[in-house]
Amino acid sequence: MGDVRLRAGAVEWRQVEGEIVALDLDSSEYLAINRSGTAIWPLLADGATREDLAIHLAQEYGIERSAAEHDVGAFLDVLSERGLLE
């Protein structure tokens, strides 16, 4: 399974006081990134496998791996629908 990453030029973002502030450049809309999304966002910027994202999320929040995989999948689906992933 290959890496998943944010599409270059699709979004501008910064981490500010532990939160992600992101702007979808195509729609000029700000994105609301929840805490679990904030935990994996930098990994998405660099490129990571879905498995790596789920492992990181499970470790960060002490949740079951299956729950983390579900959350990662749902988050990636939203980003994909917006055209923000490569």
N, C-alpha and C. Protein backbone atom coordinates (compact mmCIF):
# COMPACT_ATOMS: atom_id res chain seq x y z
N MET A 1 0.85 -1.18 0.00
CA MET A 1 0.00 0.00 0.00
C MET A 1 0.89 1.24 0.00
N GLY A 2 0.59 2.20 -0.85
CA GLY A 2 1.43 3.38 -0.99
C GLY A 2 1.11 4.47 0.00
N ASP A 3 1.94 5.47 -0.05
CA ASP A 3 1.76 6.62 0.83
C ASP A 3 0.56 7.46 0.40
N VAL A 4 -0.06 8.05 1.39
CA VAL A 4 -1.12 9.03 1.20
C VAL A 4 -0.52 10.36 1.60
N ARG A 5 -0.75 11.40 0.80
CA ARG A 5 -0.21 12.71 1.16
C ARG A 5 -1.12 13.81 0.65
N LEU A 6 -0.98 14.96 1.28
CA LEU A 6 -1.70 16.14 0.82
C LEU A 6 -1.19 16.52 -0.57
N ARG A 7 -2.12 16.92 -1.43
CA ARG A 7 -1.76 17.33 -2.79
C ARG A 7 -1.06 18.69 -2.75
N ALA A 8 0.11 18.73 -3.35
CA ALA A 8 0.88 19.98 -3.39
C ALA A 8 0.05 21.06 -4.07
N GLY A 9 0.01 22.23 -3.45
CA GLY A 9 -0.71 23.36 -4.01
C GLY A 9 -2.21 23.35 -3.76
N ALA A 10 -2.71 22.33 -3.03
CA ALA A 10 -4.14 22.24 -2.79
C ALA A 10 -4.57 22.92 -1.50
N VAL A 11 -3.64 22.99 -0.56
CA VAL A 11 -3.99 23.50 0.76
C VAL A 11 -2.78 24.20 1.39
N GLU A 12 -3.06 25.31 2.04
CA GLU A 12 -2.05 26.01 2.85
C GLU A 12 -2.43 25.76 4.30
N TRP A 13 -1.44 25.45 5.11
CA TRP A 13 -1.75 25.16 6.51
C TRP A 13 -0.61 25.55 7.42
N ARG A 14 -0.99 25.76 8.66
CA ARG A 14 -0.03 26.06 9.73
C ARG A 14 -0.52 25.40 11.00
N GLN A 15 0.42 25.03 11.85
CA GLN A 15 0.05 24.55 13.17
C GLN A 15 0.19 25.73 14.13
N VAL A 16 -0.91 26.08 14.78
CA VAL A 16 -0.96 27.23 15.67
C VAL A 16 -1.53 26.77 17.01
N GLU A 17 -0.71 26.89 18.06
CA GLU A 17 -1.13 26.53 19.40
C GLU A 17 -1.76 25.15 19.46
N GLY A 18 -1.13 24.18 18.78
CA GLY A 18 -1.58 22.80 18.84
C GLY A 18 -2.74 22.46 17.93
N GLU A 19 -3.18 23.40 17.11
CA GLU A 19 -4.28 23.15 16.17
C GLU A 19 -3.82 23.43 14.76
N ILE A 20 -4.47 22.78 13.81
CA ILE A 20 -4.17 23.01 12.40
C ILE A 20 -5.14 24.06 11.86
N VAL A 21 -4.59 25.07 11.23
CA VAL A 21 -5.37 26.07 10.52
C VAL A 21 -5.07 25.82 9.05
N ALA A 22 -6.10 25.44 8.28
CA ALA A 22 -5.89 25.06 6.89
C ALA A 22 -6.85 25.79 5.98
N LEU A 23 -6.37 26.13 4.79
CA LEU A 23 -7.17 26.81 3.78
C LEU A 23 -7.14 25.98 2.50
N ASP A 24 -8.31 25.56 2.05
CA ASP A 24 -8.46 24.87 0.76
C ASP A 24 -8.30 25.94 -0.31
N LEU A 25 -7.23 25.86 -1.08
CA LEU A 25 -6.92 26.92 -2.04
C LEU A 25 -7.87 26.95 -3.23
N ASP A 26 -8.47 25.83 -3.57
CA ASP A 26 -9.41 25.80 -4.70
C ASP A 26 -10.72 26.48 -4.35
N SER A 27 -11.22 26.24 -3.14
CA SER A 27 -12.52 26.79 -2.76
C SER A 27 -12.41 28.04 -1.89
N SER A 28 -11.20 28.35 -1.43
CA SER A 28 -10.95 29.47 -0.51
C SER A 28 -11.73 29.31 0.79
N GLU A 29 -11.90 28.07 1.23
CA GLU A 29 -12.60 27.78 2.48
C GLU A 29 -11.60 27.30 3.53
N TYR A 30 -11.82 27.77 4.75
CA TYR A 30 -11.02 27.26 5.86
C TYR A 30 -11.55 25.90 6.27
N LEU A 31 -10.66 25.02 6.64
CA LEU A 31 -11.04 23.68 7.05
C LEU A 31 -10.97 23.56 8.56
N ALA A 32 -11.96 22.93 9.14
CA ALA A 32 -11.96 22.65 10.57
C ALA A 32 -11.37 21.26 10.76
N ILE A 33 -10.21 21.20 11.37
CA ILE A 33 -9.52 19.93 11.60
C ILE A 33 -9.69 19.56 13.07
N ASN A 34 -10.29 18.41 13.33
CA ASN A 34 -10.49 18.00 14.72
C ASN A 34 -9.17 17.52 15.33
N ARG A 35 -9.21 17.13 16.61
CA ARG A 35 -7.98 16.75 17.31
C ARG A 35 -7.30 15.55 16.69
N SER A 36 -8.05 14.54 16.29
CA SER A 36 -7.42 13.36 15.68
C SER A 36 -6.84 13.72 14.32
N GLY A 37 -7.51 14.57 13.57
CA GLY A 37 -6.97 15.03 12.30
C GLY A 37 -5.70 15.83 12.49
N THR A 38 -5.69 16.66 13.53
CA THR A 38 -4.49 17.45 13.85
C THR A 38 -3.31 16.54 14.17
N ALA A 39 -3.59 15.41 14.83
CA ALA A 39 -2.51 14.48 15.20
C ALA A 39 -1.84 13.85 13.99
N ILE A 40 -2.59 13.62 12.91
CA ILE A 40 -2.01 12.95 11.74
C ILE A 40 -1.71 13.89 10.57
N TRP A 41 -2.16 15.12 10.64
CA TRP A 41 -1.99 16.07 9.54
C TRP A 41 -0.53 16.22 9.11
N PRO A 42 0.41 16.45 10.03
CA PRO A 42 1.81 16.58 9.61
C PRO A 42 2.34 15.32 8.90
N LEU A 43 1.86 14.16 9.30
CA LEU A 43 2.25 12.93 8.62
C LEU A 43 1.72 12.91 7.20
N LEU A 44 0.51 13.42 7.01
CA LEU A 44 -0.07 13.51 5.66
C LEU A 44 0.71 14.48 4.79
N ALA A 45 1.22 15.54 5.39
CA ALA A 45 1.99 16.51 4.63
C ALA A 45 3.27 15.88 4.08
N ASP A 46 3.87 14.98 4.87
CA ASP A 46 5.11 14.32 4.45
C ASP A 46 4.85 13.06 3.63
N GLY A 47 3.68 12.48 3.78
CA GLY A 47 3.34 11.22 3.12
C GLY A 47 3.52 10.06 4.09
N ALA A 48 2.48 9.28 4.25
CA ALA A 48 2.50 8.13 5.16
C ALA A 48 1.47 7.12 4.68
N THR A 49 1.65 5.88 5.06
CA THR A 49 0.66 4.87 4.72
C THR A 49 -0.53 5.00 5.64
N ARG A 50 -1.66 4.46 5.22
CA ARG A 50 -2.84 4.44 6.07
C ARG A 50 -2.52 3.72 7.38
N GLU A 51 -1.74 2.65 7.27
CA GLU A 51 -1.36 1.89 8.46
C GLU A 51 -0.56 2.75 9.43
N ASP A 52 0.42 3.49 8.91
CA ASP A 52 1.21 4.38 9.77
C ASP A 52 0.33 5.43 10.45
N LEU A 53 -0.62 5.97 9.71
CA LEU A 53 -1.52 6.97 10.28
C LEU A 53 -2.35 6.37 11.42
N ALA A 54 -2.88 5.17 11.19
CA ALA A 54 -3.70 4.51 12.21
C ALA A 54 -2.87 4.16 13.44
N ILE A 55 -1.67 3.67 13.24
CA ILE A 55 -0.79 3.33 14.37
C ILE A 55 -0.51 4.59 15.19
N HIS A 56 -0.18 5.68 14.52
CA HIS A 56 0.11 6.93 15.22
C HIS A 56 -1.11 7.40 16.01
N LEU A 57 -2.27 7.35 15.39
CA LEU A 57 -3.49 7.81 16.06
C LEU A 57 -3.81 6.92 17.26
N ALA A 58 -3.66 5.61 17.11
CA ALA A 58 -3.94 4.69 18.21
C ALA A 58 -3.00 4.95 19.39
N GLN A 59 -1.74 5.19 19.09
CA GLN A 59 -0.77 5.47 20.15
C GLN A 59 -1.02 6.83 20.80
N GLU A 60 -1.33 7.81 19.99
CA GLU A 60 -1.56 9.18 20.49
C GLU A 60 -2.73 9.25 21.48
N TYR A 61 -3.80 8.50 21.17
CA TYR A 61 -5.01 8.60 21.97
C TYR A 61 -5.32 7.34 22.78
N GLY A 62 -4.47 6.33 22.70
CA GLY A 62 -4.69 5.11 23.46
C GLY A 62 -5.97 4.39 23.09
N ILE A 63 -6.29 4.39 21.79
CA ILE A 63 -7.51 3.73 21.32
C ILE A 63 -7.15 2.45 20.58
N GLU A 64 -8.15 1.61 20.38
CA GLU A 64 -7.96 0.37 19.64
C GLU A 64 -7.56 0.68 18.20
N ARG A 65 -6.71 -0.18 17.66
CA ARG A 65 -6.24 0.02 16.29
C ARG A 65 -7.40 0.04 15.30
N SER A 66 -8.40 -0.81 15.50
CA SER A 66 -9.54 -0.85 14.58
C SER A 66 -10.30 0.48 14.58
N ALA A 67 -10.43 1.09 15.75
CA ALA A 67 -11.10 2.40 15.83
C ALA A 67 -10.26 3.46 15.13
N ALA A 68 -8.96 3.40 15.31
CA ALA A 68 -8.07 4.35 14.65
C ALA A 68 -8.13 4.18 13.13
N GLU A 69 -8.17 2.94 12.66
CA GLU A 69 -8.26 2.70 11.22
C GLU A 69 -9.56 3.26 10.65
N HIS A 70 -10.65 3.10 11.40
CA HIS A 70 -11.93 3.66 10.96
C HIS A 70 -11.87 5.18 10.88
N ASP A 71 -11.33 5.82 11.93
CA ASP A 71 -11.23 7.27 11.97
C ASP A 71 -10.34 7.80 10.85
N VAL A 72 -9.21 7.15 10.62
CA VAL A 72 -8.31 7.56 9.55
C VAL A 72 -9.01 7.43 8.20
N GLY A 73 -9.69 6.32 7.99
CA GLY A 73 -10.40 6.12 6.73
C GLY A 73 -11.44 7.20 6.47
N ALA A 74 -12.21 7.53 7.50
CA ALA A 74 -13.24 8.57 7.36
C ALA A 74 -12.62 9.93 7.06
N PHE A 75 -11.53 10.24 7.75
CA PHE A 75 -10.84 11.53 7.53
C PHE A 75 -10.27 11.60 6.12
N LEU A 76 -9.64 10.53 5.68
CA LEU A 76 -9.07 10.52 4.33
C LEU A 76 -10.15 10.59 3.26
N ASP A 77 -11.30 9.98 3.52
CA ASP A 77 -12.41 10.06 2.56
C ASP A 77 -12.84 11.51 2.36
N VAL A 78 -12.95 12.26 3.45
CA VAL A 78 -13.35 13.67 3.36
C VAL A 78 -12.31 14.47 2.57
N LEU A 79 -11.03 14.25 2.90
CA LEU A 79 -9.97 14.98 2.19
C LEU A 79 -9.95 14.60 0.71
N SER A 80 -10.18 13.35 0.41
CA SER A 80 -10.19 12.89 -0.98
C SER A 80 -11.35 13.52 -1.75
N GLU A 81 -12.54 13.55 -1.13
CA GLU A 81 -13.70 14.16 -1.76
C GLU A 81 -13.46 15.62 -2.10
N ARG A 82 -12.66 16.30 -1.28
CA ARG A 82 -12.35 17.71 -1.51
C ARG A 82 -11.20 17.88 -2.52
N GLY A 83 -10.59 16.76 -2.95
CA GLY A 83 -9.49 16.83 -3.90
C GLY A 83 -8.17 17.26 -3.28
N LEU A 84 -8.01 17.01 -1.98
CA LEU A 84 -6.82 17.49 -1.28
C LEU A 84 -5.71 16.45 -1.15
N LEU A 85 -5.96 15.24 -1.65
CA LEU A 85 -4.93 14.19 -1.58
C LEU A 85 -4.39 13.87 -2.96
N GLU A 86 -3.13 13.43 -2.98
CA GLU A 86 -2.53 13.01 -4.26
C GLU A 86 -3.08 11.67 -4.64
